[in-house]
Amino acid sequence: MDVHRNTAAPPRLSATVICKDEAEKIRGCLESVRFCDEVVVVDSGSTDGTVAIARELADRVVERDWPGYVAQQNFARGAARGQWVLSIDADERVTPELAREIQALLRSGEPGVDGFRITRHVHYLGRWIDHSGWYPEPRVRLFRREKGRWEGVDPHYDVRVDGALGDLEGEIVHYTYDDLADHVRTLNRFSSILAREHRARGRRFSWLALLGRPPLEFLKKYVLKKGYRDGAPGFYVATLSAFYVFLKFAKLWEAERIGDERPWHREGRGAGRVPDPPGSGTEAS
């Protein structure tokens, strides 16, 4: 008899998803994480059938008012019961290769690190984006529940892990904006949120930033990050990234002159989505 054999059960894994009005995409998302021991969905007021689909496929569905990106993600993390948490957005999918890698990792016992970075591969305007600052971009998505916490400035946020990190080879695929109109609508909403957050933290409008940062952002995405190699979609990524930076500073100017009395945004479809790319340098600053 081999007395040294490891008979301990592998640590439990919870998948968490925050969402609103993602009926078209959430089924594929939830089906891709069915290998997890538990799937938890936190919905913030969907009216398009998202909740019904989630109840069909998830272990638990929590309906909760929208408190902001960071707060909602931390609520979902707290609602999970597994020792490990895999966070995924409604418009993302865990590839079969990544699922097998995670399963093998946890079956082998407690990993020697407290979190793992996973690269997302974005599908945008009919093609996979392989450059433009969108790929590769590893983000912490798998972590020990007690060691990781979402931090950042809405709508840009990331997991901070109190411990060592590793990297996984498998990918998460991201079926991002449906079209250019969806992209523009999302950037309009995100820029309002970010400008409001900057205003609350005392950041002041700068003409130098308004005039200088957008063209620098375009050059960063299109030239330095080789967006030109992604064809027309790469040009649109760079152009709209620059537009996003412009909107952020323009709305900060607007707030200083008009005030904060009126609402700056209404959370609609895609409230649980992460900006593309999430927390990427210029956009988040």
C-alpha atoms as a PDB file:
ATOM      1  CA  MET A   1       0.000   0.000   0.000  1.00  0.00           C
ATOM      2  CA  ASP A   2       1.360   3.408  -0.983  1.00  0.00           C
ATOM      3  CA  VAL A   3       0.974   5.489   2.175  1.00  0.00           C
ATOM      4  CA  HIS A   4       2.355   8.551   0.400  1.00  0.00           C
ATOM      5  CA  ARG A   5      -0.399   8.701  -2.180  1.00  0.00           C
ATOM      6  CA  ASN A   6      -2.247  12.054  -2.191  1.00  0.00           C
ATOM      7  CA  THR A   7      -5.913  11.223  -1.614  1.00  0.00           C
ATOM      8  CA  ALA A   8      -7.072  14.736  -0.746  1.00  0.00           C
ATOM      9  CA  ALA A   9      -9.922  16.079  -2.848  1.00  0.00           C
ATOM     10  CA  PRO A  10      -8.905  18.815  -5.293  1.00  0.00           C
ATOM     11  CA  PRO A  11      -9.795  22.365  -4.270  1.00  0.00           C
ATOM     12  CA  ARG A  12     -13.241  23.506  -5.384  1.00  0.00           C
ATOM     13  CA  LEU A  13     -13.491  25.961  -8.267  1.00  0.00           C
ATOM     14  CA  SER A  14     -16.211  28.606  -8.651  1.00  0.00           C
ATOM     15  CA  ALA A  15     -16.843  30.533 -11.866  1.00  0.00           C
ATOM     16  CA  THR A  16     -18.294  34.021 -11.412  1.00  0.00           C
ATOM     17  CA  VAL A  17     -20.066  36.147 -14.027  1.00  0.00           C
ATOM     18  CA  ILE A  18     -21.510  39.644 -13.622  1.00  0.00           C
ATOM     19  CA  CYS A  19     -23.935  40.762 -16.299  1.00  0.00           C
ATOM     20  CA  LYS A  20     -26.872  42.799 -17.515  1.00  0.00           C
ATOM     21  CA  ASP A  21     -28.918  42.246 -20.692  1.00  0.00           C
ATOM     22  CA  GLU A  22     -26.578  39.681 -22.255  1.00  0.00           C
ATOM     23  CA  ALA A  23     -29.149  37.122 -23.422  1.00  0.00           C
ATOM     24  CA  GLU A  24     -27.453  36.752 -26.819  1.00  0.00           C
ATOM     25  CA  LYS A  25     -24.082  35.801 -25.364  1.00  0.00           C
ATOM     26  CA  ILE A  26     -24.405  34.446 -21.847  1.00  0.00           C
ATOM     27  CA  ARG A  27     -25.438  30.912 -22.838  1.00  0.00           C
ATOM     28  CA  GLY A  28     -22.122  30.303 -24.591  1.00  0.00           C
ATOM     29  CA  CYS A  29     -20.284  31.824 -21.664  1.00  0.00           C
ATOM     30  CA  LEU A  30     -21.964  29.619 -19.052  1.00  0.00           C
ATOM     31  CA  GLU A  31     -21.658  26.469 -21.137  1.00  0.00           C
ATOM     32  CA  SER A  32     -17.905  27.056 -21.369  1.00  0.00           C
ATOM     33  CA  VAL A  33     -17.513  26.991 -17.552  1.00  0.00           C
ATOM     34  CA  ARG A  34     -19.674  23.955 -16.793  1.00  0.00           C
ATOM     35  CA  PHE A  35     -16.515  22.085 -15.822  1.00  0.00           C
ATOM     36  CA  CYS A  36     -16.327  24.242 -12.669  1.00  0.00           C
ATOM     37  CA  ASP A  37     -17.730  22.943  -9.375  1.00  0.00           C
ATOM     38  CA  GLU A  38     -19.984  25.981  -9.077  1.00  0.00           C
ATOM     39  CA  VAL A  39     -21.174  28.749 -11.399  1.00  0.00           C
ATOM     40  CA  VAL A  40     -22.395  31.997  -9.820  1.00  0.00           C
ATOM     41  CA  VAL A  41     -24.104  34.717 -11.858  1.00  0.00           C
ATOM     42  CA  VAL A  42     -24.728  38.207 -10.466  1.00  0.00           C
ATOM     43  CA  ASP A  43     -27.260  40.092 -12.590  1.00  0.00           C
ATOM     44  CA  SER A  44     -28.004  43.794 -12.253  1.00  0.00           C
ATOM     45  CA  GLY A  45     -31.508  44.143 -13.637  1.00  0.00           C
ATOM     46  CA  SER A  46     -31.664  42.372 -16.990  1.00  0.00           C
ATOM     47  CA  THR A  47     -34.927  42.646 -18.911  1.00  0.00           C
ATOM     48  CA  ASP A  48     -34.034  40.596 -22.011  1.00  0.00           C
ATOM     49  CA  GLY A  49     -34.161  37.026 -20.691  1.00  0.00           C
ATOM     50  CA  THR A  50     -30.599  36.865 -19.371  1.00  0.00           C
ATOM     51  CA  VAL A  51     -31.756  35.766 -15.917  1.00  0.00           C
ATOM     52  CA  ALA A  52     -33.862  32.893 -17.289  1.00  0.00           C
ATOM     53  CA  ILE A  53     -30.895  31.550 -19.255  1.00  0.00           C
ATOM     54  CA  ALA A  54     -28.617  31.958 -16.255  1.00  0.00           C
ATOM     55  CA  ARG A  55     -31.018  30.049 -13.996  1.00  0.00           C
ATOM     56  CA  GLU A  56     -31.031  27.219 -16.508  1.00  0.00           C
ATOM     57  CA  LEU A  57     -27.242  26.846 -16.572  1.00  0.00           C
ATOM     58  CA  ALA A  58     -25.805  28.339 -13.363  1.00  0.00           C
ATOM     59  CA  ASP A  59     -25.850  26.923  -9.852  1.00  0.00           C
ATOM     60  CA  ARG A  60     -26.817  30.245  -8.323  1.00  0.00           C
ATOM     61  CA  VAL A  61     -28.183  33.497  -9.724  1.00  0.00           C
ATOM     62  CA  VAL A  62     -28.168  36.612  -7.581  1.00  0.00           C
ATOM     63  CA  GLU A  63     -30.121  39.679  -8.701  1.00  0.00           C
ATOM     64  CA  ARG A  64     -28.603  42.832  -7.286  1.00  0.00           C
ATOM     65  CA  ASP A  65     -28.658  46.552  -8.095  1.00  0.00           C
ATOM     66  CA  TRP A  66     -25.629  47.877  -9.919  1.00  0.00           C
ATOM     67  CA  PRO A  67     -23.073  49.407  -7.475  1.00  0.00           C
ATOM     68  CA  GLY A  68     -20.228  49.824  -9.975  1.00  0.00           C
ATOM     69  CA  TYR A  69     -17.790  47.458 -11.638  1.00  0.00           C
ATOM     70  CA  VAL A  70     -15.311  46.962  -8.808  1.00  0.00           C
ATOM     71  CA  ALA A  71     -18.001  46.566  -6.146  1.00  0.00           C
ATOM     72  CA  GLN A  72     -20.031  44.102  -8.238  1.00  0.00           C
ATOM     73  CA  GLN A  73     -17.017  41.955  -9.021  1.00  0.00           C
ATOM     74  CA  ASN A  74     -16.048  41.838  -5.351  1.00  0.00           C
ATOM     75  CA  PHE A  75     -19.613  40.919  -4.425  1.00  0.00           C
ATOM     76  CA  ALA A  76     -19.492  38.022  -6.914  1.00  0.00           C
ATOM     77  CA  ARG A  77     -16.157  36.900  -5.483  1.00  0.00           C
ATOM     78  CA  GLY A  78     -17.635  36.961  -1.996  1.00  0.00           C
ATOM     79  CA  ALA A  79     -20.666  34.976  -3.124  1.00  0.00           C
ATOM     80  CA  ALA A  80     -18.472  32.167  -4.471  1.00  0.00           C
ATOM     81  CA  ARG A  81     -17.957  29.148  -2.226  1.00  0.00           C
ATOM     82  CA  GLY A  82     -14.966  27.550  -3.900  1.00  0.00           C
ATOM     83  CA  GLN A  83     -11.393  27.970  -2.732  1.00  0.00           C
ATOM     84  CA  TRP A  84     -10.531  29.150  -6.253  1.00  0.00           C
ATOM     85  CA  VAL A  85     -12.429  31.655  -8.416  1.00  0.00           C
ATOM     86  CA  LEU A  86     -12.453  31.862 -12.211  1.00  0.00           C
ATOM     87  CA  SER A  87     -13.867  35.223 -13.280  1.00  0.00           C
ATOM     88  CA  ILE A  88     -15.288  35.495 -16.789  1.00  0.00           C
ATOM     89  CA  ASP A  89     -17.448  38.066 -18.559  1.00  0.00           C
ATOM     90  CA  ALA A  90     -20.718  37.276 -20.311  1.00  0.00           C
ATOM     91  CA  ASP A  91     -19.242  37.894 -23.760  1.00  0.00           C
ATOM     92  CA  GLU A  92     -16.248  35.632 -23.125  1.00  0.00           C
ATOM     93  CA  ARG A  93     -15.652  31.887 -23.438  1.00  0.00           C
ATOM     94  CA  VAL A  94     -13.205  29.541 -21.750  1.00  0.00           C
ATOM     95  CA  THR A  95     -11.597  27.465 -24.483  1.00  0.00           C
ATOM     96  CA  PRO A  96     -11.627  23.660 -24.089  1.00  0.00           C
ATOM     97  CA  GLU A  97      -7.819  23.757 -23.884  1.00  0.00           C
ATOM     98  CA  LEU A  98      -7.933  26.202 -20.979  1.00  0.00           C
ATOM     99  CA  ALA A  99     -10.646  24.190 -19.219  1.00  0.00           C
ATOM    100  CA  ARG A 100      -8.527  21.024 -19.410  1.00  0.00           C
ATOM    101  CA  GLU A 101      -5.460  22.918 -18.193  1.00  0.00           C
ATOM    102  CA  ILE A 102      -7.305  24.309 -15.168  1.00  0.00           C
ATOM    103  CA  GLN A 103      -8.809  20.935 -14.311  1.00  0.00           C
ATOM    104  CA  ALA A 104      -5.421  19.212 -14.484  1.00  0.00           C
ATOM    105  CA  LEU A 105      -3.865  21.980 -12.404  1.00  0.00           C
ATOM    106  CA  LEU A 106      -6.358  21.643  -9.559  1.00  0.00           C
ATOM    107  CA  ARG A 107      -6.474  17.837  -9.685  1.00  0.00           C
ATOM    108  CA  SER A 108      -2.743  17.797  -8.989  1.00  0.00           C
ATOM    109  CA  GLY A 109      -3.316  19.463  -5.619  1.00  0.00           C
ATOM    110  CA  GLU A 110      -3.082  23.003  -4.315  1.00  0.00           C
ATOM    111  CA  PRO A 111      -1.012  25.082  -6.772  1.00  0.00           C
ATOM    112  CA  GLY A 112       2.134  26.698  -5.447  1.00  0.00           C
ATOM    113  CA  VAL A 113       0.918  30.179  -6.376  1.00  0.00           C
ATOM    114  CA  ASP A 114      -2.150  32.222  -5.464  1.00  0.00           C
ATOM    115  CA  GLY A 115      -3.308  33.354  -8.894  1.00  0.00           C
ATOM    116  CA  PHE A 116      -2.860  32.838 -12.618  1.00  0.00           C
ATOM    117  CA  ARG A 117      -2.738  35.209 -15.563  1.00  0.00           C
ATOM    118  CA  ILE A 118      -4.748  34.169 -18.616  1.00  0.00           C
ATOM    119  CA  THR A 119      -4.536  35.782 -22.050  1.00  0.00           C
ATOM    120  CA  ARG A 120      -7.715  36.904 -23.813  1.00  0.00           C
ATOM    121  CA  HIS A 121      -8.038  36.685 -27.592  1.00  0.00           C
ATOM    122  CA  VAL A 122     -10.497  39.241 -28.941  1.00  0.00           C
ATOM    123  CA  HIS A 123     -12.768  38.684 -31.950  1.00  0.00           C
ATOM    124  CA  TYR A 124     -13.718  42.058 -33.426  1.00  0.00           C
ATOM    125  CA  LEU A 125     -15.360  43.055 -36.717  1.00  0.00           C
ATOM    126  CA  GLY A 126     -15.048  39.586 -38.188  1.00  0.00           C
ATOM    127  CA  ARG A 127     -11.458  38.733 -37.295  1.00  0.00           C
ATOM    128  CA  TRP A 128      -9.174  37.822 -34.423  1.00  0.00           C
ATOM    129  CA  ILE A 129      -7.124  40.774 -33.228  1.00  0.00           C
ATOM    130  CA  ASP A 130      -3.503  39.704 -32.828  1.00  0.00           C
ATOM    131  CA  HIS A 131      -1.924  43.104 -32.123  1.00  0.00           C
ATOM    132  CA  SER A 132      -3.211  46.649 -31.414  1.00  0.00           C
ATOM    133  CA  GLY A 133      -2.463  46.329 -27.691  1.00  0.00           C
ATOM    134  CA  TRP A 134      -5.343  43.871 -27.411  1.00  0.00           C
ATOM    135  CA  TYR A 135      -3.220  40.745 -27.788  1.00  0.00           C
ATOM    136  CA  PRO A 136      -1.444  39.289 -26.031  1.00  0.00           C
ATOM    137  CA  GLU A 137      -2.680  40.841 -22.809  1.00  0.00           C
ATOM    138  CA  PRO A 138      -2.596  38.413 -19.864  1.00  0.00           C
ATOM    139  CA  ARG A 139      -4.879  39.311 -16.971  1.00  0.00           C
ATOM    140  CA  VAL A 140      -5.401  37.635 -13.600  1.00  0.00           C
ATOM    141  CA  ARG A 141      -8.639  35.682 -13.920  1.00  0.00           C
ATOM    142  CA  LEU A 142      -8.014  32.572 -11.785  1.00  0.00           C
ATOM    143  CA  PHE A 143      -7.146  33.134  -8.131  1.00  0.00           C
ATOM    144  CA  ARG A 144      -7.582  31.922  -4.572  1.00  0.00           C
ATOM    145  CA  ARG A 145     -10.784  33.502  -3.300  1.00  0.00           C
ATOM    146  CA  GLU A 146      -9.220  34.604  -0.022  1.00  0.00           C
ATOM    147  CA  LYS A 147      -6.124  36.011  -1.698  1.00  0.00           C
ATOM    148  CA  GLY A 148      -7.570  38.030  -4.575  1.00  0.00           C
ATOM    149  CA  ARG A 149      -9.601  41.218  -4.677  1.00  0.00           C
ATOM    150  CA  TRP A 150     -10.815  43.472  -7.481  1.00  0.00           C
ATOM    151  CA  GLU A 151      -9.333  46.964  -7.412  1.00  0.00           C
ATOM    152  CA  GLY A 152      -9.192  49.940  -9.748  1.00  0.00           C
ATOM    153  CA  VAL A 153     -11.081  53.009 -10.918  1.00  0.00           C
ATOM    154  CA  ASP A 154     -14.399  52.268 -12.618  1.00  0.00           C
ATOM    155  CA  PRO A 155     -14.706  51.171 -15.367  1.00  0.00           C
ATOM    156  CA  HIS A 156     -11.083  49.931 -15.411  1.00  0.00           C
ATOM    157  CA  TYR A 157     -10.229  47.294 -12.857  1.00  0.00           C
ATOM    158  CA  ASP A 158      -8.154  44.208 -12.264  1.00  0.00           C
ATOM    159  CA  VAL A 159      -7.532  41.505  -9.674  1.00  0.00           C
ATOM    160  CA  ARG A 160      -4.869  42.197  -7.080  1.00  0.00           C
ATOM    161  CA  VAL A 161      -3.523  38.992  -5.555  1.00  0.00           C
ATOM    162  CA  ASP A 162      -1.761  38.826  -2.215  1.00  0.00           C
ATOM    163  CA  GLY A 163       0.796  36.272  -3.272  1.00  0.00           C
ATOM    164  CA  ALA A 164       2.705  34.821  -6.191  1.00  0.00           C
ATOM    165  CA  LEU A 165       1.313  34.554  -9.721  1.00  0.00           C
ATOM    166  CA  GLY A 166       1.714  32.047 -12.523  1.00  0.00           C
ATOM    167  CA  ASP A 167       0.708  31.928 -16.175  1.00  0.00           C
ATOM    168  CA  LEU A 168      -1.582  29.526 -18.027  1.00  0.00           C
ATOM    169  CA  GLU A 169      -1.165  28.613 -21.686  1.00  0.00           C
ATOM    170  CA  GLY A 170      -4.862  28.312 -22.551  1.00  0.00           C
ATOM    171  CA  GLU A 171      -6.861  31.368 -23.572  1.00  0.00           C
ATOM    172  CA  ILE A 172     -10.162  33.067 -22.956  1.00  0.00           C
ATOM    173  CA  VAL A 173     -11.821  34.155 -26.193  1.00  0.00           C
ATOM    174  CA  HIS A 174     -13.725  37.424 -26.169  1.00  0.00           C
ATOM    175  CA  TYR A 175     -16.559  38.162 -28.590  1.00  0.00           C
ATOM    176  CA  THR A 176     -16.486  41.865 -28.008  1.00  0.00           C
ATOM    177  CA  TYR A 177     -18.500  44.706 -29.566  1.00  0.00           C
ATOM    178  CA  ASP A 178     -21.164  43.570 -32.007  1.00  0.00           C
ATOM    179  CA  ASP A 179     -20.332  46.354 -34.468  1.00  0.00           C
ATOM    180  CA  LEU A 180     -18.874  49.846 -34.625  1.00  0.00           C
ATOM    181  CA  ALA A 181     -22.066  51.391 -33.234  1.00  0.00           C
ATOM    182  CA  ASP A 182     -21.890  49.096 -30.196  1.00  0.00           C
ATOM    183  CA  HIS A 183     -18.225  50.009 -29.761  1.00  0.00           C
ATOM    184  CA  VAL A 184     -18.986  53.746 -29.824  1.00  0.00           C
ATOM    185  CA  ARG A 185     -21.928  53.393 -27.421  1.00  0.00           C
ATOM    186  CA  THR A 186     -19.773  51.470 -24.961  1.00  0.00           C
ATOM    187  CA  LEU A 187     -16.920  53.965 -25.113  1.00  0.00           C
ATOM    188  CA  ASN A 188     -19.387  56.803 -24.572  1.00  0.00           C
ATOM    189  CA  ARG A 189     -20.678  55.103 -21.433  1.00  0.00           C
ATOM    190  CA  PHE A 190     -17.232  54.151 -20.134  1.00  0.00           C
ATOM    191  CA  SER A 191     -15.792  57.615 -20.720  1.00  0.00           C
ATOM    192  CA  SER A 192     -18.619  59.136 -18.669  1.00  0.00           C
ATOM    193  CA  ILE A 193     -17.951  56.758 -15.796  1.00  0.00           C
ATOM    194  CA  LEU A 194     -14.193  57.354 -15.884  1.00  0.00           C
ATOM    195  CA  ALA A 195     -14.549  61.141 -16.120  1.00  0.00           C
ATOM    196  CA  ARG A 196     -16.914  61.089 -13.166  1.00  0.00           C
ATOM    197  CA  GLU A 197     -14.458  58.995 -11.150  1.00  0.00           C
ATOM    198  CA  HIS A 198     -11.603  61.366 -11.994  1.00  0.00           C
ATOM    199  CA  ARG A 199     -13.775  64.321 -10.994  1.00  0.00           C
ATOM    200  CA  ALA A 200     -14.593  62.683  -7.652  1.00  0.00           C
ATOM    201  CA  ARG A 201     -10.887  62.142  -6.995  1.00  0.00           C
ATOM    202  CA  GLY A 202     -10.044  65.778  -7.653  1.00  0.00           C
ATOM    203  CA  ARG A 203      -8.409  65.421 -11.046  1.00  0.00           C
ATOM    204  CA  ARG A 204      -8.516  68.642 -13.070  1.00  0.00           C
ATOM    205  CA  PHE A 205      -9.065  69.161 -16.769  1.00  0.00           C
ATOM    206  CA  SER A 206      -5.966  69.859 -18.860  1.00  0.00           C
ATOM    207  CA  TRP A 207      -5.894  71.281 -22.376  1.00  0.00           C
ATOM    208  CA  LEU A 208      -2.507  69.670 -22.855  1.00  0.00           C
ATOM    209  CA  ALA A 209      -4.003  66.256 -22.083  1.00  0.00           C
ATOM    210  CA  LEU A 210      -7.044  66.849 -24.298  1.00  0.00           C
ATOM    211  CA  LEU A 211      -4.928  67.882 -27.287  1.00  0.00           C
ATOM    212  CA  GLY A 212      -1.931  65.629 -26.778  1.00  0.00           C
ATOM    213  CA  ARG A 213      -3.138  62.324 -25.356  1.00  0.00           C
ATOM    214  CA  PRO A 214      -5.558  61.230 -28.130  1.00  0.00           C
ATOM    215  CA  PRO A 215      -2.983  61.333 -30.986  1.00  0.00           C
ATOM    216  CA  LEU A 216      -0.435  59.626 -28.743  1.00  0.00           C
ATOM    217  CA  GLU A 217      -2.961  56.897 -28.040  1.00  0.00           C
ATOM    218  CA  PHE A 218      -3.544  56.378 -31.762  1.00  0.00           C
ATOM    219  CA  LEU A 219       0.188  56.102 -32.420  1.00  0.00           C
ATOM    220  CA  LYS A 220       0.590  53.710 -29.526  1.00  0.00           C
ATOM    221  CA  LYS A 221      -2.122  51.353 -30.762  1.00  0.00           C
ATOM    222  CA  TYR A 222      -1.530  51.604 -34.510  1.00  0.00           C
ATOM    223  CA  VAL A 223       2.261  51.911 -34.696  1.00  0.00           C
ATOM    224  CA  LEU A 224       3.928  50.762 -31.479  1.00  0.00           C
ATOM    225  CA  LYS A 225       1.429  47.937 -30.885  1.00  0.00           C
ATOM    226  CA  LYS A 226       1.361  47.118 -34.626  1.00  0.00           C
ATOM    227  CA  GLY A 227      -2.352  47.685 -35.132  1.00  0.00           C
ATOM    228  CA  TYR A 228      -1.660  48.106 -38.833  1.00  0.00           C
ATOM    229  CA  ARG A 229      -1.149  44.338 -38.969  1.00  0.00           C
ATOM    230  CA  ASP A 230      -4.789  43.806 -37.944  1.00  0.00           C
ATOM    231  CA  GLY A 231      -6.129  45.381 -41.141  1.00  0.00           C
ATOM    232  CA  ALA A 232      -9.077  47.750 -41.073  1.00  0.00           C
ATOM    233  CA  PRO A 233     -10.205  46.556 -37.603  1.00  0.00           C
ATOM    234  CA  GLY A 234      -6.772  47.525 -36.264  1.00  0.00           C
ATOM    235  CA  PHE A 235      -7.219  51.047 -37.649  1.00  0.00           C
ATOM    236  CA  TYR A 236     -10.642  51.281 -36.017  1.00  0.00           C
ATOM    237  CA  VAL A 237      -9.255  50.047 -32.703  1.00  0.00           C
ATOM    238  CA  ALA A 238      -6.570  52.750 -32.732  1.00  0.00           C
ATOM    239  CA  THR A 239      -8.957  55.489 -33.864  1.00  0.00           C
ATOM    240  CA  LEU A 240     -11.658  54.671 -31.330  1.00  0.00           C
ATOM    241  CA  SER A 241      -9.105  54.285 -28.545  1.00  0.00           C
ATOM    242  CA  ALA A 242      -7.967  57.841 -29.292  1.00  0.00           C
ATOM    243  CA  PHE A 243     -11.604  58.973 -29.395  1.00  0.00           C
ATOM    244  CA  TYR A 244     -12.172  57.369 -25.992  1.00  0.00           C
ATOM    245  CA  VAL A 245      -9.279  59.311 -24.479  1.00  0.00           C
ATOM    246  CA  PHE A 246     -10.623  62.508 -26.056  1.00  0.00           C
ATOM    247  CA  LEU A 247     -14.107  61.889 -24.638  1.00  0.00           C
ATOM    248  CA  LYS A 248     -12.750  61.259 -21.152  1.00  0.00           C
ATOM    249  CA  PHE A 249     -10.994  64.628 -20.996  1.00  0.00           C
ATOM    250  CA  ALA A 250     -13.780  66.481 -22.818  1.00  0.00           C
ATOM    251  CA  LYS A 251     -16.320  65.207 -20.285  1.00  0.00           C
ATOM    252  CA  LEU A 252     -14.047  66.220 -17.451  1.00  0.00           C
ATOM    253  CA  TRP A 253     -14.023  69.746 -18.957  1.00  0.00           C
ATOM    254  CA  GLU A 254     -17.820  69.596 -19.226  1.00  0.00           C
ATOM    255  CA  ALA A 255     -18.218  68.585 -15.590  1.00  0.00           C
ATOM    256  CA  GLU A 256     -16.053  71.439 -14.346  1.00  0.00           C
ATOM    257  CA  ARG A 257     -18.169  73.966 -16.218  1.00  0.00           C
ATOM    258  CA  ILE A 258     -21.651  72.493 -15.936  1.00  0.00           C
ATOM    259  CA  GLY A 259     -21.427  70.638 -12.648  1.00  0.00           C
ATOM    260  CA  ASP A 260     -22.414  67.172 -11.534  1.00  0.00           C
ATOM    261  CA  GLU A 261     -26.130  67.640 -10.952  1.00  0.00           C
ATOM    262  CA  ARG A 262     -27.337  65.516 -13.839  1.00  0.00           C
ATOM    263  CA  PRO A 263     -26.639  61.774 -14.245  1.00  0.00           C
ATOM    264  CA  TRP A 264     -23.628  61.042 -16.409  1.00  0.00           C
ATOM    265  CA  HIS A 265     -24.640  57.628 -17.596  1.00  0.00           C
ATOM    266  CA  ARG A 266     -27.262  54.978 -17.380  1.00  0.00           C
ATOM    267  CA  GLU A 267     -26.040  51.422 -17.165  1.00  0.00           C
ATOM    268  CA  GLY A 268     -27.544  49.450 -20.007  1.00  0.00           C
ATOM    269  CA  ARG A 269     -26.670  46.309 -21.840  1.00  0.00           C
ATOM    270  CA  GLY A 270     -23.151  45.156 -21.166  1.00  0.00           C
ATOM    271  CA  ALA A 271     -22.855  46.643 -17.675  1.00  0.00           C
ATOM    272  CA  GLY A 272     -20.647  43.739 -16.674  1.00  0.00           C
ATOM    273  CA  ARG A 273     -18.244  44.036 -19.584  1.00  0.00           C
ATOM    274  CA  VAL A 274     -14.616  44.944 -19.225  1.00  0.00           C
ATOM    275  CA  PRO A 275     -13.336  47.734 -21.514  1.00  0.00           C
ATOM    276  CA  ASP A 276     -11.056  46.684 -24.373  1.00  0.00           C
ATOM    277  CA  PRO A 277      -8.351  46.365 -23.467  1.00  0.00           C
ATOM    278  CA  PRO A 278      -9.133  46.373 -19.737  1.00  0.00           C
ATOM    279  CA  GLY A 279      -7.069  48.757 -17.666  1.00  0.00           C
ATOM    280  CA  SER A 280      -4.702  49.480 -20.535  1.00  0.00           C
ATOM    281  CA  GLY A 281      -2.308  52.264 -19.763  1.00  0.00           C
ATOM    282  CA  THR A 282      -3.563  55.484 -21.304  1.00  0.00           C
ATOM    283  CA  GLU A 283      -7.276  54.754 -21.037  1.00  0.00           C
ATOM    284  CA  ALA A 284      -7.072  54.037 -17.345  1.00  0.00           C
ATOM    285  CA  SER A 285      -4.919  57.019 -16.455  1.00  0.00           C
END
